[in-house]
Structures are given as C-alpha cells and as structure tokens.
Amino acid sequence: MAKQLVVRLRADGTVDAETIGMHGAECLDHIEALEALLDAETASSRFTEDYTTASVEGRTRLEAEQKDGAS
C-alpha cells in the first residue's frame, strides 16, 4: 500500500489528518511536518492499528532511540 497523509479541512476551520500505510512512529514525523506547515498543534490524536504493527526493524530502531535518550 502507498503511504498517504490524508488532510481534511472542515467547515469550522479545524483540520483532520490521517496517515495511511505508515507503520510505527513513522507517522509522527508527517504529523509534525503538517503542524509546522499549518503553524498549529495537535488537539487530539489516536494510534491506528498500523502504528502497532510496526515492522521488527522499526521496533528495533525505536527501542534503540529510546534507550539512547534515556542515558
């Protein structure tokens, strides 16, 4: 599946965004970039099933980053 960032601008001015085809923390980078483009902050969020089905490589990288940050 192709990676996508679906952005919806609502009539009340709020923005909804959804990542598709991204696994693990990869989606967070895209949301951060969107926040920067819009000069906005995320008001609420939730992880999808894709987040929890990250590849073993992605999990290993994330665990290493977390370990490095903890020291």
PDB file of N, CA and C in Angstrom:
ATOM      1  N   MET A   1       0.840  -1.181   0.000  1.00  0.00           N
ATOM      2  CA  MET A   1       0.000   0.000   0.000  1.00  0.00           C
ATOM      3  C   MET A   1       0.884   1.242   0.000  1.00  0.00           C
ATOM      4  N   ALA A   2       0.511   2.241  -0.758  1.00  0.00           N
ATOM      5  CA  ALA A   2       1.247   3.503  -0.814  1.00  0.00           C
ATOM      6  C   ALA A   2       1.055   4.277   0.482  1.00  0.00           C
ATOM      7  N   LYS A   3       2.079   5.001   0.863  1.00  0.00           N
ATOM      8  CA  LYS A   3       1.986   5.839   2.057  1.00  0.00           C
ATOM      9  C   LYS A   3       1.249   7.109   1.692  1.00  0.00           C
ATOM     10  N   GLN A   4       0.310   7.483   2.563  1.00  0.00           N
ATOM     11  CA  GLN A   4      -0.504   8.668   2.302  1.00  0.00           C
ATOM     12  C   GLN A   4      -0.712   9.458   3.590  1.00  0.00           C
ATOM     13  N   LEU A   5      -0.832  10.754   3.421  1.00  0.00           N
ATOM     14  CA  LEU A   5      -1.262  11.641   4.501  1.00  0.00           C
ATOM     15  C   LEU A   5      -2.527  12.309   3.994  1.00  0.00           C
ATOM     16  N   VAL A   6      -3.666  11.932   4.549  1.00  0.00           N
ATOM     17  CA  VAL A   6      -4.960  12.464   4.122  1.00  0.00           C
ATOM     18  C   VAL A   6      -5.314  13.619   5.054  1.00  0.00           C
ATOM     19  N   VAL A   7      -5.525  14.796   4.476  1.00  0.00           N
ATOM     20  CA  VAL A   7      -5.829  16.002   5.253  1.00  0.00           C
ATOM     21  C   VAL A   7      -7.209  16.494   4.861  1.00  0.00           C
ATOM     22  N   ARG A   8      -8.042  16.753   5.868  1.00  0.00           N
ATOM     23  CA  ARG A   8      -9.398  17.260   5.637  1.00  0.00           C
ATOM     24  C   ARG A   8      -9.549  18.596   6.353  1.00  0.00           C
ATOM     25  N   LEU A   9      -9.961  19.607   5.603  1.00  0.00           N
ATOM     26  CA  LEU A   9     -10.250  20.912   6.187  1.00  0.00           C
ATOM     27  C   LEU A   9     -11.753  20.992   6.396  1.00  0.00           C
ATOM     28  N   ARG A  10     -12.162  21.127   7.640  1.00  0.00           N
ATOM     29  CA  ARG A  10     -13.580  21.158   7.991  1.00  0.00           C
ATOM     30  C   ARG A  10     -14.138  22.569   7.859  1.00  0.00           C
ATOM     31  N   ALA A  11     -15.451  22.678   7.735  1.00  0.00           N
ATOM     32  CA  ALA A  11     -16.127  23.974   7.587  1.00  0.00           C
ATOM     33  C   ALA A  11     -15.869  24.904   8.772  1.00  0.00           C
ATOM     34  N   ASP A  12     -15.649  24.319   9.953  1.00  0.00           N
ATOM     35  CA  ASP A  12     -15.405  25.150  11.137  1.00  0.00           C
ATOM     36  C   ASP A  12     -13.942  25.579  11.266  1.00  0.00           C
ATOM     37  N   GLY A  13     -13.115  25.223  10.281  1.00  0.00           N
ATOM     38  CA  GLY A  13     -11.714  25.617  10.275  1.00  0.00           C
ATOM     39  C   GLY A  13     -10.767  24.616  10.893  1.00  0.00           C
ATOM     40  N   THR A  14     -11.298  23.567  11.500  1.00  0.00           N
ATOM     41  CA  THR A  14     -10.421  22.543  12.060  1.00  0.00           C
ATOM     42  C   THR A  14      -9.881  21.661  10.939  1.00  0.00           C
ATOM     43  N   VAL A  15      -8.785  21.018  11.229  1.00  0.00           N
ATOM     44  CA  VAL A  15      -8.127  20.151  10.262  1.00  0.00           C
ATOM     45  C   VAL A  15      -8.034  18.753  10.845  1.00  0.00           C
ATOM     46  N   ASP A  16      -8.415  17.762  10.068  1.00  0.00           N
ATOM     47  CA  ASP A  16      -8.237  16.361  10.443  1.00  0.00           C
ATOM     48  C   ASP A  16      -7.161  15.791   9.539  1.00  0.00           C
ATOM     49  N   ALA A  17      -6.297  14.978  10.086  1.00  0.00           N
ATOM     50  CA  ALA A  17      -5.266  14.332   9.287  1.00  0.00           C
ATOM     51  C   ALA A  17      -5.188  12.863   9.672  1.00  0.00           C
ATOM     52  N   GLU A  18      -4.922  12.037   8.692  1.00  0.00           N
ATOM     53  CA  GLU A  18      -4.826  10.599   8.909  1.00  0.00           C
ATOM     54  C   GLU A  18      -3.690  10.068   8.055  1.00  0.00           C
ATOM     55  N   THR A  19      -2.839   9.244   8.660  1.00  0.00           N
ATOM     56  CA  THR A  19      -1.786   8.602   7.886  1.00  0.00           C
ATOM     57  C   THR A  19      -2.251   7.215   7.496  1.00  0.00           C
ATOM     58  N   ILE A  20      -1.895   6.819   6.296  1.00  0.00           N
ATOM     59  CA  ILE A  20      -2.271   5.507   5.774  1.00  0.00           C
ATOM     60  C   ILE A  20      -1.022   4.837   5.219  1.00  0.00           C
ATOM     61  N   GLY A  21      -0.842   3.577   5.556  1.00  0.00           N
ATOM     62  CA  GLY A  21       0.279   2.813   5.033  1.00  0.00           C
ATOM     63  C   GLY A  21       1.598   3.081   5.723  1.00  0.00           C
ATOM     64  N   MET A  22       1.574   3.761   6.846  1.00  0.00           N
ATOM     65  CA  MET A  22       2.779   4.025   7.621  1.00  0.00           C
ATOM     66  C   MET A  22       2.720   3.188   8.882  1.00  0.00           C
ATOM     67  N   HIS A  23       3.890   2.723   9.300  1.00  0.00           N
ATOM     68  CA  HIS A  23       3.923   1.837  10.462  1.00  0.00           C
ATOM     69  C   HIS A  23       4.810   2.420  11.551  1.00  0.00           C
ATOM     70  N   GLY A  24       4.401   2.193  12.778  1.00  0.00           N
ATOM     71  CA  GLY A  24       5.177   2.670  13.906  1.00  0.00           C
ATOM     72  C   GLY A  24       5.235   4.185  13.958  1.00  0.00           C
ATOM     73  N   ALA A  25       6.319   4.686  14.501  1.00  0.00           N
ATOM     74  CA  ALA A  25       6.474   6.118  14.737  1.00  0.00           C
ATOM     75  C   ALA A  25       6.675   6.928  13.458  1.00  0.00           C
ATOM     76  N   GLU A  26       6.801   6.276  12.321  1.00  0.00           N
ATOM     77  CA  GLU A  26       6.962   6.971  11.042  1.00  0.00           C
ATOM     78  C   GLU A  26       5.861   8.015  10.831  1.00  0.00           C
ATOM     79  N   CYS A  27       4.650   7.702  11.236  1.00  0.00           N
ATOM     80  CA  CYS A  27       3.524   8.615  11.032  1.00  0.00           C
ATOM     81  C   CYS A  27       3.695   9.912  11.807  1.00  0.00           C
ATOM     82  N   LEU A  28       4.361   9.861  12.946  1.00  0.00           N
ATOM     83  CA  LEU A  28       4.513  11.048  13.782  1.00  0.00           C
ATOM     84  C   LEU A  28       5.331  12.135  13.096  1.00  0.00           C
ATOM     85  N   ASP A  29       6.318  11.737  12.290  1.00  0.00           N
ATOM     86  CA  ASP A  29       7.124  12.714  11.546  1.00  0.00           C
ATOM     87  C   ASP A  29       6.246  13.509  10.584  1.00  0.00           C
ATOM     88  N   HIS A  30       5.312  12.835   9.938  1.00  0.00           N
ATOM     89  CA  HIS A  30       4.436  13.503   8.979  1.00  0.00           C
ATOM     90  C   HIS A  30       3.464  14.452   9.672  1.00  0.00           C
ATOM     91  N   ILE A  31       2.967  14.043  10.819  1.00  0.00           N
ATOM     92  CA  ILE A  31       2.059  14.913  11.572  1.00  0.00           C
ATOM     93  C   ILE A  31       2.810  16.136  12.080  1.00  0.00           C
ATOM     94  N   GLU A  32       4.051  15.949  12.540  1.00  0.00           N
ATOM     95  CA  GLU A  32       4.859  17.085  12.988  1.00  0.00           C
ATOM     96  C   GLU A  32       5.096  18.072  11.846  1.00  0.00           C
ATOM     97  N   ALA A  33       5.359  17.557  10.637  1.00  0.00           N
ATOM     98  CA  ALA A  33       5.573  18.433   9.477  1.00  0.00           C
ATOM     99  C   ALA A  33       4.296  19.201   9.147  1.00  0.00           C
ATOM    100  N   LEU A  34       3.155  18.543   9.252  1.00  0.00           N
ATOM    101  CA  LEU A  34       1.882  19.204   8.992  1.00  0.00           C
ATOM    102  C   LEU A  34       1.627  20.304  10.021  1.00  0.00           C
ATOM    103  N   GLU A  35       1.915  20.022  11.279  1.00  0.00           N
ATOM    104  CA  GLU A  35       1.771  21.045  12.320  1.00  0.00           C
ATOM    105  C   GLU A  35       2.635  22.262  11.999  1.00  0.00           C
ATOM    106  N   ALA A  36       3.856  22.028  11.546  1.00  0.00           N
ATOM    107  CA  ALA A  36       4.758  23.135  11.212  1.00  0.00           C
ATOM    108  C   ALA A  36       4.218  23.933  10.029  1.00  0.00           C
ATOM    109  N   LEU A  37       3.711  23.246   9.014  1.00  0.00           N
ATOM    110  CA  LEU A  37       3.164  23.938   7.846  1.00  0.00           C
ATOM    111  C   LEU A  37       1.959  24.795   8.201  1.00  0.00           C
ATOM    112  N   LEU A  38       1.137  24.293   9.110  1.00  0.00           N
ATOM    113  CA  LEU A  38      -0.089  24.992   9.479  1.00  0.00           C
ATOM    114  C   LEU A  38       0.107  25.939  10.665  1.00  0.00           C
ATOM    115  N   ASP A  39       1.295  25.922  11.252  1.00  0.00           N
ATOM    116  CA  ASP A  39       1.543  26.668  12.478  1.00  0.00           C
ATOM    117  C   ASP A  39       0.459  26.340  13.502  1.00  0.00           C
ATOM    118  N   ALA A  40       0.287  25.033  13.728  1.00  0.00           N
ATOM    119  CA  ALA A  40      -0.782  24.535  14.593  1.00  0.00           C
ATOM    120  C   ALA A  40      -0.250  23.437  15.505  1.00  0.00           C
ATOM    121  N   GLU A  41      -1.070  23.074  16.467  1.00  0.00           N
ATOM    122  CA  GLU A  41      -0.752  21.972  17.372  1.00  0.00           C
ATOM    123  C   GLU A  41      -1.867  20.945  17.327  1.00  0.00           C
ATOM    124  N   THR A  42      -1.510  19.697  17.514  1.00  0.00           N
ATOM    125  CA  THR A  42      -2.491  18.630  17.548  1.00  0.00           C
ATOM    126  C   THR A  42      -3.335  18.763  18.808  1.00  0.00           C
ATOM    127  N   ALA A  43      -4.654  18.777  18.635  1.00  0.00           N
ATOM    128  CA  ALA A  43      -5.570  18.886  19.776  1.00  0.00           C
ATOM    129  C   ALA A  43      -5.909  17.513  20.333  1.00  0.00           C
ATOM    130  N   SER A  44      -5.996  16.518  19.474  1.00  0.00           N
ATOM    131  CA  SER A  44      -6.251  15.149  19.919  1.00  0.00           C
ATOM    132  C   SER A  44      -5.718  14.197  18.857  1.00  0.00           C
ATOM    133  N   SER A  45      -5.382  13.008  19.296  1.00  0.00           N
ATOM    134  CA  SER A  45      -4.873  12.011  18.355  1.00  0.00           C
ATOM    135  C   SER A  45      -5.092  10.622  18.925  1.00  0.00           C
ATOM    136  N   ARG A  46      -4.954   9.663  18.040  1.00  0.00           N
ATOM    137  CA  ARG A  46      -5.003   8.262  18.470  1.00  0.00           C
ATOM    138  C   ARG A  46      -4.184   7.460  17.491  1.00  0.00           C
ATOM    139  N   PHE A  47      -3.611   6.372  17.974  1.00  0.00           N
ATOM    140  CA  PHE A  47      -2.823   5.496  17.117  1.00  0.00           C
ATOM    141  C   PHE A  47      -3.746   4.502  16.419  1.00  0.00           C
ATOM    142  N   THR A  48      -3.460   4.238  15.157  1.00  0.00           N
ATOM    143  CA  THR A  48      -4.216   3.257  14.399  1.00  0.00           C
ATOM    144  C   THR A  48      -3.561   1.885  14.550  1.00  0.00           C
ATOM    145  N   GLU A  49      -4.182   0.896  13.988  1.00  0.00           N
ATOM    146  CA  GLU A  49      -3.618  -0.454  14.008  1.00  0.00           C
ATOM    147  C   GLU A  49      -2.263  -0.481  13.307  1.00  0.00           C
ATOM    148  N   ASP A  50      -2.086   0.346  12.276  1.00  0.00           N
ATOM    149  CA  ASP A  50      -0.806   0.394  11.570  1.00  0.00           C
ATOM    150  C   ASP A  50       0.336   0.781  12.508  1.00  0.00           C
ATOM    151  N   TYR A  51       0.071   1.626  13.479  1.00  0.00           N
ATOM    152  CA  TYR A  51       1.107   2.036  14.422  1.00  0.00           C
ATOM    153  C   TYR A  51       1.607   0.840  15.212  1.00  0.00           C
ATOM    154  N   THR A  52       0.694   0.001  15.639  1.00  0.00           N
ATOM    155  CA  THR A  52       1.070  -1.122  16.492  1.00  0.00           C
ATOM    156  C   THR A  52       1.611  -2.305  15.715  1.00  0.00           C
ATOM    157  N   THR A  53       1.490  -2.305  14.394  1.00  0.00           N
ATOM    158  CA  THR A  53       2.015  -3.404  13.590  1.00  0.00           C
ATOM    159  C   THR A  53       3.299  -2.986  12.884  1.00  0.00           C
ATOM    160  N   ALA A  54       4.109  -2.194  13.579  1.00  0.00           N
ATOM    161  CA  ALA A  54       5.379  -1.736  13.022  1.00  0.00           C
ATOM    162  C   ALA A  54       6.265  -2.930  12.711  1.00  0.00           C
ATOM    163  N   SER A  55       7.083  -2.791  11.722  1.00  0.00           N
ATOM    164  CA  SER A  55       7.997  -3.869  11.358  1.00  0.00           C
ATOM    165  C   SER A  55       8.999  -4.104  12.485  1.00  0.00           C
ATOM    166  N   VAL A  56       9.588  -5.257  12.513  1.00  0.00           N
ATOM    167  CA  VAL A  56      10.576  -5.588  13.538  1.00  0.00           C
ATOM    168  C   VAL A  56      11.738  -4.611  13.442  1.00  0.00           C
ATOM    169  N   GLU A  57      12.135  -4.234  12.241  1.00  0.00           N
ATOM    170  CA  GLU A  57      13.223  -3.271  12.058  1.00  0.00           C
ATOM    171  C   GLU A  57      12.854  -1.934  12.680  1.00  0.00           C
ATOM    172  N   GLY A  58      11.636  -1.490  12.464  1.00  0.00           N
ATOM    173  CA  GLY A  58      11.182  -0.230  13.029  1.00  0.00           C
ATOM    174  C   GLY A  58      11.153  -0.270  14.542  1.00  0.00           C
ATOM    175  N   ARG A  59      10.717  -1.373  15.089  1.00  0.00           N
ATOM    176  CA  ARG A  59      10.682  -1.510  16.545  1.00  0.00           C
ATOM    177  C   ARG A  59      12.085  -1.465  17.119  1.00  0.00           C
ATOM    178  N   THR A  60      13.009  -2.164  16.457  1.00  0.00           N
ATOM    179  CA  THR A  60      14.385  -2.188  16.928  1.00  0.00           C
ATOM    180  C   THR A  60      14.971  -0.786  16.907  1.00  0.00           C
ATOM    181  N   ARG A  61      14.733  -0.020  15.836  1.00  0.00           N
ATOM    182  CA  ARG A  61      15.247   1.344  15.724  1.00  0.00           C
ATOM    183  C   ARG A  61      14.632   2.226  16.811  1.00  0.00           C
ATOM    184  N   LEU A  62      13.324   2.120  17.011  1.00  0.00           N
ATOM    185  CA  LEU A  62      12.641   2.933  18.020  1.00  0.00           C
ATOM    186  C   LEU A  62      13.157   2.600  19.411  1.00  0.00           C
ATOM    187  N   GLU A  63      13.342   1.317  19.692  1.00  0.00           N
ATOM    188  CA  GLU A  63      13.858   0.922  21.001  1.00  0.00           C
ATOM    189  C   GLU A  63      15.258   1.485  21.226  1.00  0.00           C
ATOM    190  N   ALA A  64      16.100   1.455  20.180  1.00  0.00           N
ATOM    191  CA  ALA A  64      17.458   1.991  20.282  1.00  0.00           C
ATOM    192  C   ALA A  64      17.429   3.494  20.537  1.00  0.00           C
ATOM    193  N   GLU A  65      16.528   4.204  19.839  1.00  0.00           N
ATOM    194  CA  GLU A  65      16.414   5.652  20.044  1.00  0.00           C
ATOM    195  C   GLU A  65      15.963   5.966  21.457  1.00  0.00           C
ATOM    196  N   GLN A  66      14.995   5.182  21.957  1.00  0.00           N
ATOM    197  CA  GLN A  66      14.517   5.404  23.314  1.00  0.00           C
ATOM    198  C   GLN A  66      15.612   5.138  24.328  1.00  0.00           C
ATOM    199  N   LYS A  67      16.384   4.098  24.093  1.00  0.00           N
ATOM    200  CA  LYS A  67      17.474   3.745  25.005  1.00  0.00           C
ATOM    201  C   LYS A  67      18.524   4.851  25.006  1.00  0.00           C
ATOM    202  N   ASP A  68      18.882   5.361  23.831  1.00  0.00           N
ATOM    203  CA  ASP A  68      19.857   6.441  23.733  1.00  0.00           C
ATOM    204  C   ASP A  68      19.370   7.689  24.458  1.00  0.00           C
ATOM    205  N   GLY A  69      18.074   7.975  24.354  1.00  0.00           N
ATOM    206  CA  GLY A  69      17.506   9.157  25.007  1.00  0.00           C
ATOM    207  C   GLY A  69      17.445   9.025  26.511  1.00  0.00           C
ATOM    208  N   ALA A  70      17.408   7.796  27.019  1.00  0.00           N
ATOM    209  CA  ALA A  70      17.299   7.565  28.454  1.00  0.00           C
ATOM    210  C   ALA A  70      18.633   7.690  29.182  1.00  0.00           C
ATOM    211  N   SER A  71      19.744   7.621  28.424  1.00  0.00           N
ATOM    212  CA  SER A  71      21.033   7.661  29.111  1.00  0.00           C
ATOM    213  C   SER A  71      21.565   9.046  29.315  1.00  0.00           C
TER     214      SER A  71
END
